[in-house]
Amino acid sequence: MEFKRHSPLVTRISILVATIVVFAFVVAADNRSYMLILALLVAIIFQVKKLLNEVEGKDVPLSSFFDSIRFDEITQTFKADNNSVTVQKLQRELNEALSKLKQARKEKDSEYQFFKNIVQHVGIGLLTFKRDGSIQIMNSAAKRVLRVTKADRVEDLKVVSESLVDTFLKLKTGGRELLQLKFGDETVQLSVFAIELTLRDEEVKLISMSNIQSELEEKEMEAWQN
């Protein structure tokens, strides 16, 4: 079935594609506005409903396009089984929209990997966990100071010290505490600091920790020499 080059269908799909692209960039932004995200989501749903009503019975690859977004398969492309110039144009626009969504995700993933590498290589121990106790990040320094290789939940660290876990859970933003951990014959003096954050409407606690045993020993040595 043929469509006019400047038909309402072409205009409606163009607006929908633009809205989806804007939605993707707003979601990926650091200073995202949740009110704007909600408004764009409502606009997309409304446009999709109107568009589906309009293209019912026409050979346009919209179902494939929406399935790609719904099932998070934006790496694929699709082709319409129609030689209509207008349909082919719509196909190019939809593939271009998927390409922009893919690029936005790629940039977001690159930024995430960049900051993840920074966190993993800093000298101070860092650990983040959600309200339910599930650990999101535990960098290499934290694993070294706690003598663990893996922990999925804060409770898993009870094998190191129950008082350590209690401290992690009770500390509030700005809270600081000194802990003494025993690893065989070795004693570790641990300085723990906490910050509570909200990330995407979810409460997260950031714990920083450092072994100050060597600093204490140096001060004791200086005091003894004086």
Foldseek 3Di string as FASTA:
>chain_A
DADDLPDVLLVLLLVLLVLLLVLLLLVLDPPHDVVVNVVSVVVNVVSVVVNCVVCVPPQAPVVVLVVCVVVVPLVDADDTPDPHPNSRVSSVSSNVSSVSSVVSVVVSVVVVVVVLVVQQPDQWWKWKDFPVFATDDTHPNNCVVQVHDDDGGLVVSVVFPPVVSVCQNPDEAQDWDWDWTDDPPDIWIKIKHWYWDADPNTIMIMIIMDTCVVVVVVVVVVVVVD
